[in-house]
Amino acid sequence: MKKLFVITAFVAVLLVAEKAQAQLNLHVDYSPELIKTYTPTADTTLFFHGFSFGLSWEFILNDNLSLTAGAQYRMNMKDDSEHIYQGTHFVHHVTREQQKLVDLPILLRYKMALGDNGTFSPFAGPMLSYGINGKTTEQWLYPIDTEISHEWYEGTGFAYRPNSQFNVYAMAGAEFEFKQFTVTLGGRYGFLNLNKRNTGTTTKAYGFFLSFGHTF
């Protein structure tokens, strides 16, 4: 059903914009993400530094409205380091978490001219996201070098790890364009529960993004 949604959405974009003018934008982004788990007894929030790059096609429907469809590759990363005292010595414990995703946003834009200073474009729309790989690695560096890894999507590891590869976000923000350069600031909120292991546990993802792009 989710794959059908993506195919249908892109076909709709192409049909609507068959005779419309199209522009290509290449962009790189800083896109941190918070993954928050809600349980009956406690809530846990993980902050990931996110970096992404991709492209988008803007189909200009009229002087003010346009529809943007794109694809981007996103990497979420989180590192924690601590010293734990165990009996007679300290243990150096490092936790590294990485997530790789492909995002497919479809956004409706309203463009307003700012004279000779470019354009300002508020936008909103959905984004489908698919997790390619997710992994948590724990390493004890002293006194014995030991490493344990947990895959996010293979049904093993910590019970509170999110293990759904699909998410659907609502996105909103604004883009400023000057000549052929763009700066975009926006936010996203994930609707789906990423935790499919524990009944009564809900995991949601949300974040913001700052994007720099060039339009061709």
C-alpha atoms as a PDB file:
ATOM      1  CA  MET A   1       0.000   0.000   0.000  1.00  0.00           C
ATOM      2  CA  LYS A   2       2.806   2.451   0.834  1.00  0.00           C
ATOM      3  CA  LYS A   3       4.685   1.671  -2.372  1.00  0.00           C
ATOM      4  CA  LEU A   4       1.454   2.175  -4.302  1.00  0.00           C
ATOM      5  CA  PHE A   5       1.066   5.569  -2.616  1.00  0.00           C
ATOM      6  CA  VAL A   6       4.518   6.664  -3.771  1.00  0.00           C
ATOM      7  CA  ILE A   7       3.976   5.499  -7.352  1.00  0.00           C
ATOM      8  CA  THR A   8       0.542   7.110  -7.528  1.00  0.00           C
ATOM      9  CA  ALA A   9       1.831  10.398  -6.130  1.00  0.00           C
ATOM     10  CA  PHE A  10       4.689  10.657  -8.620  1.00  0.00           C
ATOM     11  CA  VAL A  11       2.450   9.729 -11.541  1.00  0.00           C
ATOM     12  CA  ALA A  12       0.010  12.422 -10.428  1.00  0.00           C
ATOM     13  CA  VAL A  13       2.815  14.970 -10.301  1.00  0.00           C
ATOM     14  CA  LEU A  14       3.933  14.124 -13.809  1.00  0.00           C
ATOM     15  CA  LEU A  15       0.404  14.209 -15.221  1.00  0.00           C
ATOM     16  CA  VAL A  16      -0.456  17.532 -13.596  1.00  0.00           C
ATOM     17  CA  ALA A  17       2.807  19.105 -14.689  1.00  0.00           C
ATOM     18  CA  GLU A  18       3.032  17.530 -18.142  1.00  0.00           C
ATOM     19  CA  LYS A  19       2.964  20.922 -19.836  1.00  0.00           C
ATOM     20  CA  ALA A  20       4.301  22.943 -16.939  1.00  0.00           C
ATOM     21  CA  GLN A  21       7.735  24.465 -16.685  1.00  0.00           C
ATOM     22  CA  ALA A  22      10.108  22.401 -14.540  1.00  0.00           C
ATOM     23  CA  GLN A  23      13.246  23.375 -12.610  1.00  0.00           C
ATOM     24  CA  LEU A  24      15.874  21.106 -11.054  1.00  0.00           C
ATOM     25  CA  ASN A  25      17.358  21.907  -7.643  1.00  0.00           C
ATOM     26  CA  LEU A  26      20.365  20.154  -6.097  1.00  0.00           C
ATOM     27  CA  HIS A  27      20.751  20.599  -2.335  1.00  0.00           C
ATOM     28  CA  VAL A  28      22.700  19.611   0.786  1.00  0.00           C
ATOM     29  CA  ASP A  29      21.149  19.811   4.236  1.00  0.00           C
ATOM     30  CA  TYR A  30      21.714  19.719   7.945  1.00  0.00           C
ATOM     31  CA  SER A  31      18.693  17.745   9.126  1.00  0.00           C
ATOM     32  CA  PRO A  32      18.880  16.617  12.780  1.00  0.00           C
ATOM     33  CA  GLU A  33      16.201  14.284  14.082  1.00  0.00           C
ATOM     34  CA  LEU A  34      14.745  13.436  17.471  1.00  0.00           C
ATOM     35  CA  ILE A  35      13.395   9.928  17.994  1.00  0.00           C
ATOM     36  CA  LYS A  36      11.179   9.869  21.074  1.00  0.00           C
ATOM     37  CA  THR A  37       9.842   6.701  22.690  1.00  0.00           C
ATOM     38  CA  TYR A  38       6.743   6.927  24.879  1.00  0.00           C
ATOM     39  CA  THR A  39       6.144   4.125  27.411  1.00  0.00           C
ATOM     40  CA  PRO A  40       3.658   3.800  30.290  1.00  0.00           C
ATOM     41  CA  THR A  41       6.432   4.501  32.819  1.00  0.00           C
ATOM     42  CA  ALA A  42       9.034   6.739  31.103  1.00  0.00           C
ATOM     43  CA  ASP A  43       9.882   8.639  27.935  1.00  0.00           C
ATOM     44  CA  THR A  44      13.239   8.478  26.144  1.00  0.00           C
ATOM     45  CA  THR A  45      14.478  10.957  23.529  1.00  0.00           C
ATOM     46  CA  LEU A  46      17.449  10.295  21.236  1.00  0.00           C
ATOM     47  CA  PHE A  47      18.986  13.230  19.339  1.00  0.00           C
ATOM     48  CA  PHE A  48      20.640  12.419  16.005  1.00  0.00           C
ATOM     49  CA  HIS A  49      22.766  14.727  13.895  1.00  0.00           C
ATOM     50  CA  GLY A  50      21.408  14.379  10.369  1.00  0.00           C
ATOM     51  CA  PHE A  51      22.994  15.209   7.028  1.00  0.00           C
ATOM     52  CA  SER A  52      21.353  14.756   3.653  1.00  0.00           C
ATOM     53  CA  PHE A  53      21.724  15.570  -0.008  1.00  0.00           C
ATOM     54  CA  GLY A  54      19.438  15.137  -2.979  1.00  0.00           C
ATOM     55  CA  LEU A  55      17.556  16.693  -5.828  1.00  0.00           C
ATOM     56  CA  SER A  56      14.065  17.961  -6.487  1.00  0.00           C
ATOM     57  CA  TRP A  57      12.019  18.926  -9.507  1.00  0.00           C
ATOM     58  CA  GLU A  58       9.815  21.988  -9.159  1.00  0.00           C
ATOM     59  CA  PHE A  59       6.866  21.945 -11.563  1.00  0.00           C
ATOM     60  CA  ILE A  60       5.585  25.504 -11.984  1.00  0.00           C
ATOM     61  CA  LEU A  61       1.797  25.424 -12.251  1.00  0.00           C
ATOM     62  CA  ASN A  62       1.175  29.190 -12.485  1.00  0.00           C
ATOM     63  CA  ASP A  63       2.762  32.483 -11.412  1.00  0.00           C
ATOM     64  CA  ASN A  64       2.467  31.618  -7.714  1.00  0.00           C
ATOM     65  CA  LEU A  65       1.885  27.892  -7.283  1.00  0.00           C
ATOM     66  CA  SER A  66       4.302  25.046  -7.904  1.00  0.00           C
ATOM     67  CA  LEU A  67       4.605  21.389  -6.985  1.00  0.00           C
ATOM     68  CA  THR A  68       7.953  19.902  -5.941  1.00  0.00           C
ATOM     69  CA  ALA A  69       8.798  16.201  -6.046  1.00  0.00           C
ATOM     70  CA  GLY A  70      12.214  14.947  -5.009  1.00  0.00           C
ATOM     71  CA  ALA A  71      14.434  12.285  -3.502  1.00  0.00           C
ATOM     72  CA  GLN A  72      17.232  12.560  -0.957  1.00  0.00           C
ATOM     73  CA  TYR A  73      19.664  10.351   0.936  1.00  0.00           C
ATOM     74  CA  ARG A  74      19.773  11.063   4.682  1.00  0.00           C
ATOM     75  CA  MET A  75      22.229   9.904   7.356  1.00  0.00           C
ATOM     76  CA  ASN A  76      21.427  10.117  11.073  1.00  0.00           C
ATOM     77  CA  MET A  77      24.325   9.770  13.501  1.00  0.00           C
ATOM     78  CA  LYS A  78      24.678   9.755  17.289  1.00  0.00           C
ATOM     79  CA  ASP A  79      27.762   9.090  19.454  1.00  0.00           C
ATOM     80  CA  ASP A  80      27.885   8.769  23.253  1.00  0.00           C
ATOM     81  CA  SER A  81      30.944   8.179  25.435  1.00  0.00           C
ATOM     82  CA  GLU A  82      31.105   7.588  29.182  1.00  0.00           C
ATOM     83  CA  HIS A  83      33.313   6.196  31.930  1.00  0.00           C
ATOM     84  CA  ILE A  84      31.599   3.682  34.201  1.00  0.00           C
ATOM     85  CA  TYR A  85      33.078   2.623  37.530  1.00  0.00           C
ATOM     86  CA  GLN A  86      32.891  -1.153  38.004  1.00  0.00           C
ATOM     87  CA  GLY A  87      34.304  -2.431  41.262  1.00  0.00           C
ATOM     88  CA  THR A  88      37.986  -1.540  41.152  1.00  0.00           C
ATOM     89  CA  HIS A  89      38.325   0.160  37.780  1.00  0.00           C
ATOM     90  CA  PHE A  90      36.675   2.426  35.244  1.00  0.00           C
ATOM     91  CA  VAL A  91      35.264   1.098  31.988  1.00  0.00           C
ATOM     92  CA  HIS A  92      35.289   3.324  28.899  1.00  0.00           C
ATOM     93  CA  HIS A  93      31.953   2.755  27.121  1.00  0.00           C
ATOM     94  CA  VAL A  94      31.200   4.132  23.628  1.00  0.00           C
ATOM     95  CA  THR A  95      27.797   3.888  21.891  1.00  0.00           C
ATOM     96  CA  ARG A  96      27.517   4.742  18.202  1.00  0.00           C
ATOM     97  CA  GLU A  97      24.200   4.796  16.349  1.00  0.00           C
ATOM     98  CA  GLN A  98      23.758   5.283  12.617  1.00  0.00           C
ATOM     99  CA  GLN A  99      20.745   5.317  10.365  1.00  0.00           C
ATOM    100  CA  LYS A 100      20.562   5.637   6.572  1.00  0.00           C
ATOM    101  CA  LEU A 101      17.317   6.614   4.883  1.00  0.00           C
ATOM    102  CA  VAL A 102      15.828   7.572   1.524  1.00  0.00           C
ATOM    103  CA  ASP A 103      13.224  10.359   1.627  1.00  0.00           C
ATOM    104  CA  LEU A 104      10.620  11.207  -1.033  1.00  0.00           C
ATOM    105  CA  PRO A 105       8.988  14.606  -0.397  1.00  0.00           C
ATOM    106  CA  ILE A 106       6.069  16.031  -2.393  1.00  0.00           C
ATOM    107  CA  LEU A 107       5.463  19.695  -1.544  1.00  0.00           C
ATOM    108  CA  LEU A 108       3.046  22.393  -2.640  1.00  0.00           C
ATOM    109  CA  ARG A 109       4.660  25.839  -2.798  1.00  0.00           C
ATOM    110  CA  TYR A 110       3.287  29.362  -2.934  1.00  0.00           C
ATOM    111  CA  LYS A 111       5.881  31.722  -4.403  1.00  0.00           C
ATOM    112  CA  MET A 112       5.981  35.446  -3.648  1.00  0.00           C
ATOM    113  CA  ALA A 113       8.316  37.855  -5.441  1.00  0.00           C
ATOM    114  CA  LEU A 114      10.554  40.102  -3.319  1.00  0.00           C
ATOM    115  CA  GLY A 115      11.348  42.619  -6.012  1.00  0.00           C
ATOM    116  CA  ASP A 116      14.913  42.246  -7.260  1.00  0.00           C
ATOM    117  CA  ASN A 117      15.892  40.377  -4.088  1.00  0.00           C
ATOM    118  CA  GLY A 118      14.538  36.981  -5.140  1.00  0.00           C
ATOM    119  CA  THR A 119      11.466  35.040  -4.066  1.00  0.00           C
ATOM    120  CA  PHE A 120       9.990  33.732  -0.814  1.00  0.00           C
ATOM    121  CA  SER A 121       8.114  30.412  -0.960  1.00  0.00           C
ATOM    122  CA  PRO A 122       6.178  28.888   1.959  1.00  0.00           C
ATOM    123  CA  PHE A 123       5.514  25.178   1.403  1.00  0.00           C
ATOM    124  CA  ALA A 124       3.772  22.179   2.949  1.00  0.00           C
ATOM    125  CA  GLY A 125       3.212  18.560   2.065  1.00  0.00           C
ATOM    126  CA  PRO A 126       3.958  14.895   2.862  1.00  0.00           C
ATOM    127  CA  MET A 127       7.231  12.966   2.761  1.00  0.00           C
ATOM    128  CA  LEU A 128       7.609   9.192   2.645  1.00  0.00           C
ATOM    129  CA  SER A 129      10.816   7.858   4.244  1.00  0.00           C
ATOM    130  CA  TYR A 130      12.376   4.395   4.005  1.00  0.00           C
ATOM    131  CA  GLY A 131      15.156   3.234   6.308  1.00  0.00           C
ATOM    132  CA  ILE A 132      17.856   1.368   4.390  1.00  0.00           C
ATOM    133  CA  ASN A 133      20.043   0.548   7.358  1.00  0.00           C
ATOM    134  CA  GLY A 134      20.052   1.180  11.100  1.00  0.00           C
ATOM    135  CA  LYS A 135      22.667  -0.010  13.560  1.00  0.00           C
ATOM    136  CA  THR A 136      23.745   0.520  17.159  1.00  0.00           C
ATOM    137  CA  THR A 137      27.313  -0.404  18.122  1.00  0.00           C
ATOM    138  CA  GLU A 138      28.480  -0.597  21.744  1.00  0.00           C
ATOM    139  CA  GLN A 139      32.188  -0.768  22.476  1.00  0.00           C
ATOM    140  CA  TRP A 140      34.006  -1.232  25.776  1.00  0.00           C
ATOM    141  CA  LEU A 141      37.571   0.046  25.316  1.00  0.00           C
ATOM    142  CA  TYR A 142      39.072  -0.657  28.732  1.00  0.00           C
ATOM    143  CA  PRO A 143      40.192  -2.952  30.262  1.00  0.00           C
ATOM    144  CA  ILE A 144      39.036  -5.405  27.540  1.00  0.00           C
ATOM    145  CA  ASP A 145      38.176  -4.286  23.998  1.00  0.00           C
ATOM    146  CA  THR A 146      34.666  -5.687  23.399  1.00  0.00           C
ATOM    147  CA  GLU A 147      32.107  -4.738  20.756  1.00  0.00           C
ATOM    148  CA  ILE A 148      28.413  -5.612  20.432  1.00  0.00           C
ATOM    149  CA  SER A 149      26.185  -4.557  17.524  1.00  0.00           C
ATOM    150  CA  HIS A 150      22.405  -4.363  17.261  1.00  0.00           C
ATOM    151  CA  GLU A 151      20.624  -4.106  13.912  1.00  0.00           C
ATOM    152  CA  TRP A 152      17.543  -1.879  13.957  1.00  0.00           C
ATOM    153  CA  TYR A 153      15.504  -3.697  11.344  1.00  0.00           C
ATOM    154  CA  GLU A 154      16.316  -7.375  11.897  1.00  0.00           C
ATOM    155  CA  GLY A 155      14.296  -8.045  15.036  1.00  0.00           C
ATOM    156  CA  THR A 156      17.307  -8.313  17.372  1.00  0.00           C
ATOM    157  CA  GLY A 157      18.898  -6.037  19.922  1.00  0.00           C
ATOM    158  CA  PHE A 158      17.340  -3.750  22.508  1.00  0.00           C
ATOM    159  CA  ALA A 159      13.574  -3.960  22.828  1.00  0.00           C
ATOM    160  CA  TYR A 160      13.103  -0.188  22.721  1.00  0.00           C
ATOM    161  CA  ARG A 161      14.860   0.236  19.385  1.00  0.00           C
ATOM    162  CA  PRO A 162      12.520   1.337  16.589  1.00  0.00           C
ATOM    163  CA  ASN A 163      12.396  -1.352  13.933  1.00  0.00           C
ATOM    164  CA  SER A 164       9.951  -0.095  11.318  1.00  0.00           C
ATOM    165  CA  GLN A 165      11.648   0.952   8.073  1.00  0.00           C
ATOM    166  CA  PHE A 166       8.762   3.131   6.867  1.00  0.00           C
ATOM    167  CA  ASN A 167       7.680   6.545   8.078  1.00  0.00           C
ATOM    168  CA  VAL A 168       5.368   9.248   6.735  1.00  0.00           C
ATOM    169  CA  TYR A 169       6.136  12.854   7.655  1.00  0.00           C
ATOM    170  CA  ALA A 170       4.196  16.082   7.430  1.00  0.00           C
ATOM    171  CA  MET A 171       6.526  18.864   6.293  1.00  0.00           C
ATOM    172  CA  ALA A 172       6.277  22.645   6.308  1.00  0.00           C
ATOM    173  CA  GLY A 173       8.681  25.539   5.929  1.00  0.00           C
ATOM    174  CA  ALA A 174       9.842  28.291   3.629  1.00  0.00           C
ATOM    175  CA  GLU A 175      12.459  28.793   0.936  1.00  0.00           C
ATOM    176  CA  PHE A 176      14.293  31.950  -0.033  1.00  0.00           C
ATOM    177  CA  GLU A 177      15.694  32.047  -3.571  1.00  0.00           C
ATOM    178  CA  PHE A 178      18.167  34.632  -4.863  1.00  0.00           C
ATOM    179  CA  LYS A 179      19.166  34.262  -8.490  1.00  0.00           C
ATOM    180  CA  GLN A 180      19.847  30.503  -8.710  1.00  0.00           C
ATOM    181  CA  PHE A 181      20.697  29.874  -5.065  1.00  0.00           C
ATOM    182  CA  THR A 182      18.227  28.697  -2.424  1.00  0.00           C
ATOM    183  CA  VAL A 183      18.167  28.590   1.375  1.00  0.00           C
ATOM    184  CA  THR A 184      15.408  26.507   2.945  1.00  0.00           C
ATOM    185  CA  LEU A 185      14.310  26.150   6.556  1.00  0.00           C
ATOM    186  CA  GLY A 186      11.579  23.752   7.611  1.00  0.00           C
ATOM    187  CA  GLY A 187      10.389  21.065   9.956  1.00  0.00           C
ATOM    188  CA  ARG A 188       8.997  17.541   9.729  1.00  0.00           C
ATOM    189  CA  TYR A 189       6.846  15.402  12.002  1.00  0.00           C
ATOM    190  CA  GLY A 190       6.565  11.628  11.685  1.00  0.00           C
ATOM    191  CA  PHE A 191       3.083  10.125  11.928  1.00  0.00           C
ATOM    192  CA  LEU A 192       3.848   6.402  12.138  1.00  0.00           C
ATOM    193  CA  ASN A 193       4.812   4.419  15.212  1.00  0.00           C
ATOM    194  CA  LEU A 194       8.331   3.161  14.507  1.00  0.00           C
ATOM    195  CA  ASN A 195       8.328   0.653  17.354  1.00  0.00           C
ATOM    196  CA  LYS A 196       6.678  -2.595  16.269  1.00  0.00           C
ATOM    197  CA  ARG A 197       7.983  -4.820  19.068  1.00  0.00           C
ATOM    198  CA  ASN A 198       6.422  -3.715  22.327  1.00  0.00           C
ATOM    199  CA  THR A 199       2.699  -3.316  22.875  1.00  0.00           C
ATOM    200  CA  GLY A 200       2.014  -0.034  24.620  1.00  0.00           C
ATOM    201  CA  THR A 201       5.255   1.570  23.392  1.00  0.00           C
ATOM    202  CA  THR A 202       5.110   4.353  20.811  1.00  0.00           C
ATOM    203  CA  THR A 203       8.133   5.778  18.991  1.00  0.00           C
ATOM    204  CA  LYS A 204       7.827   8.928  16.858  1.00  0.00           C
ATOM    205  CA  ALA A 205      10.443  10.882  14.885  1.00  0.00           C
ATOM    206  CA  TYR A 206      10.561  14.605  14.215  1.00  0.00           C
ATOM    207  CA  GLY A 207      13.119  17.243  13.345  1.00  0.00           C
ATOM    208  CA  PHE A 208      14.044  20.286  11.289  1.00  0.00           C
ATOM    209  CA  PHE A 209      16.277  20.954   8.294  1.00  0.00           C
ATOM    210  CA  LEU A 210      18.413  23.773   6.927  1.00  0.00           C
ATOM    211  CA  SER A 211      19.086  23.358   3.222  1.00  0.00           C
ATOM    212  CA  PHE A 212      21.375  25.041   0.700  1.00  0.00           C
ATOM    213  CA  GLY A 213      20.699  24.469  -2.972  1.00  0.00           C
ATOM    214  CA  HIS A 214      21.278  25.524  -6.539  1.00  0.00           C
ATOM    215  CA  THR A 215      18.595  25.653  -9.215  1.00  0.00           C
ATOM    216  CA  PHE A 216      19.304  24.738 -12.836  1.00  0.00           C
END
